[in-house]
Amino acid sequence: MLTGRRLTGRRVRRVRLRLGETQVEFARRFRVDQSTISRWEADELPVQQLMRATVEEILSQLECVGAAA
């Protein structure tokens, strides 16, 4: 279920920090390199269209988990 929230670097970073994960740990969730997470957070690298829905869904789920913790 997509929340309609925009996929931004600020949102990626906020979720990662809320979970207490490093960029390396967070990158493992998405099976990408740490540098990809760094560029996502800096809004320097757009999430590829094929991966966008997956990333948005995972962020939405993690935001719910983080809010419940």
C-alpha atoms as a PDB file:
ATOM      1  CA  MET A   1       0.000   0.000   0.000  1.00  0.00           C
ATOM      2  CA  LEU A   2       1.635   3.228  -1.138  1.00  0.00           C
ATOM      3  CA  THR A   3       1.058   6.213   1.099  1.00  0.00           C
ATOM      4  CA  GLY A   4       1.427   8.826  -1.611  1.00  0.00           C
ATOM      5  CA  ARG A   5       4.322  10.420   0.271  1.00  0.00           C
ATOM      6  CA  ARG A   6       7.132  11.701  -1.885  1.00  0.00           C
ATOM      7  CA  LEU A   7      10.335   9.742  -2.045  1.00  0.00           C
ATOM      8  CA  THR A   8      12.931  12.282  -0.942  1.00  0.00           C
ATOM      9  CA  GLY A   9      16.452  12.109   0.396  1.00  0.00           C
ATOM     10  CA  ARG A  10      15.244  13.641   3.646  1.00  0.00           C
ATOM     11  CA  ARG A  11      12.641  10.882   4.051  1.00  0.00           C
ATOM     12  CA  VAL A  12      15.164   8.106   3.316  1.00  0.00           C
ATOM     13  CA  ARG A  13      17.571   9.550   5.885  1.00  0.00           C
ATOM     14  CA  ARG A  14      14.867  10.094   8.509  1.00  0.00           C
ATOM     15  CA  VAL A  15      13.714   6.468   8.289  1.00  0.00           C
ATOM     16  CA  ARG A  16      17.289   5.166   8.376  1.00  0.00           C
ATOM     17  CA  LEU A  17      18.145   7.233  11.443  1.00  0.00           C
ATOM     18  CA  ARG A  18      14.907   6.312  13.196  1.00  0.00           C
ATOM     19  CA  LEU A  19      15.933   2.667  12.805  1.00  0.00           C
ATOM     20  CA  GLY A  20      19.414   3.452  14.118  1.00  0.00           C
ATOM     21  CA  GLU A  21      21.081   2.006  11.041  1.00  0.00           C
ATOM     22  CA  THR A  22      24.221   3.095   9.249  1.00  0.00           C
ATOM     23  CA  GLN A  23      24.111   3.692   5.529  1.00  0.00           C
ATOM     24  CA  VAL A  24      25.838   0.324   5.071  1.00  0.00           C
ATOM     25  CA  GLU A  25      23.189  -1.487   7.117  1.00  0.00           C
ATOM     26  CA  PHE A  26      20.362   0.338   5.370  1.00  0.00           C
ATOM     27  CA  ALA A  27      21.872  -0.419   1.969  1.00  0.00           C
ATOM     28  CA  ARG A  28      21.728  -4.134   2.752  1.00  0.00           C
ATOM     29  CA  ARG A  29      17.934  -3.873   3.065  1.00  0.00           C
ATOM     30  CA  PHE A  30      17.738  -2.684  -0.521  1.00  0.00           C
ATOM     31  CA  ARG A  31      20.607  -4.784  -1.846  1.00  0.00           C
ATOM     32  CA  VAL A  32      22.445  -1.702  -3.042  1.00  0.00           C
ATOM     33  CA  ASP A  33      25.835  -0.202  -2.301  1.00  0.00           C
ATOM     34  CA  GLN A  34      26.293   2.265   0.567  1.00  0.00           C
ATOM     35  CA  SER A  35      27.175   4.976  -1.950  1.00  0.00           C
ATOM     36  CA  THR A  36      23.699   4.590  -3.468  1.00  0.00           C
ATOM     37  CA  ILE A  37      22.068   5.314  -0.098  1.00  0.00           C
ATOM     38  CA  SER A  38      24.383   8.294   0.329  1.00  0.00           C
ATOM     39  CA  ARG A  39      23.368   9.677  -3.061  1.00  0.00           C
ATOM     40  CA  TRP A  40      19.664   8.996  -2.410  1.00  0.00           C
ATOM     41  CA  GLU A  41      19.902  10.930   0.852  1.00  0.00           C
ATOM     42  CA  ALA A  42      21.655  13.831  -0.885  1.00  0.00           C
ATOM     43  CA  ASP A  43      19.024  13.812  -3.662  1.00  0.00           C
ATOM     44  CA  GLU A  44      21.891  13.340  -6.115  1.00  0.00           C
ATOM     45  CA  LEU A  45      20.668  10.045  -7.539  1.00  0.00           C
ATOM     46  CA  PRO A  46      17.024   9.429  -8.318  1.00  0.00           C
ATOM     47  CA  VAL A  47      15.684   6.013  -7.414  1.00  0.00           C
ATOM     48  CA  GLN A  48      15.308   4.053 -10.626  1.00  0.00           C
ATOM     49  CA  GLN A  49      11.707   3.747 -11.775  1.00  0.00           C
ATOM     50  CA  LEU A  50      11.705  -0.046 -11.454  1.00  0.00           C
ATOM     51  CA  MET A  51      12.851   0.194  -7.840  1.00  0.00           C
ATOM     52  CA  ARG A  52      10.805   3.232  -6.807  1.00  0.00           C
ATOM     53  CA  ALA A  53       7.618   1.367  -5.808  1.00  0.00           C
ATOM     54  CA  THR A  54       9.616  -1.150  -3.801  1.00  0.00           C
ATOM     55  CA  VAL A  55      11.582   1.553  -1.979  1.00  0.00           C
ATOM     56  CA  GLU A  56       8.426   3.553  -1.254  1.00  0.00           C
ATOM     57  CA  GLU A  57       6.653   0.459   0.098  1.00  0.00           C
ATOM     58  CA  ILE A  58       9.575  -0.490   2.344  1.00  0.00           C
ATOM     59  CA  LEU A  59       9.930   3.071   3.647  1.00  0.00           C
ATOM     60  CA  SER A  60       6.209   3.177   4.435  1.00  0.00           C
ATOM     61  CA  GLN A  61       6.444  -0.089   6.363  1.00  0.00           C
ATOM     62  CA  LEU A  62       9.564   1.037   8.209  1.00  0.00           C
ATOM     63  CA  GLU A  63       7.941   4.343   9.127  1.00  0.00           C
ATOM     64  CA  CYS A  64       5.059   2.405  10.706  1.00  0.00           C
ATOM     65  CA  VAL A  65       7.462   0.148  12.594  1.00  0.00           C
ATOM     66  CA  GLY A  66       9.555   3.119  13.715  1.00  0.00           C
ATOM     67  CA  ALA A  67       6.484   4.984  14.931  1.00  0.00           C
ATOM     68  CA  ALA A  68       5.341   1.972  16.950  1.00  0.00           C
ATOM     69  CA  ALA A  69       8.729   1.535  18.642  1.00  0.00           C
END
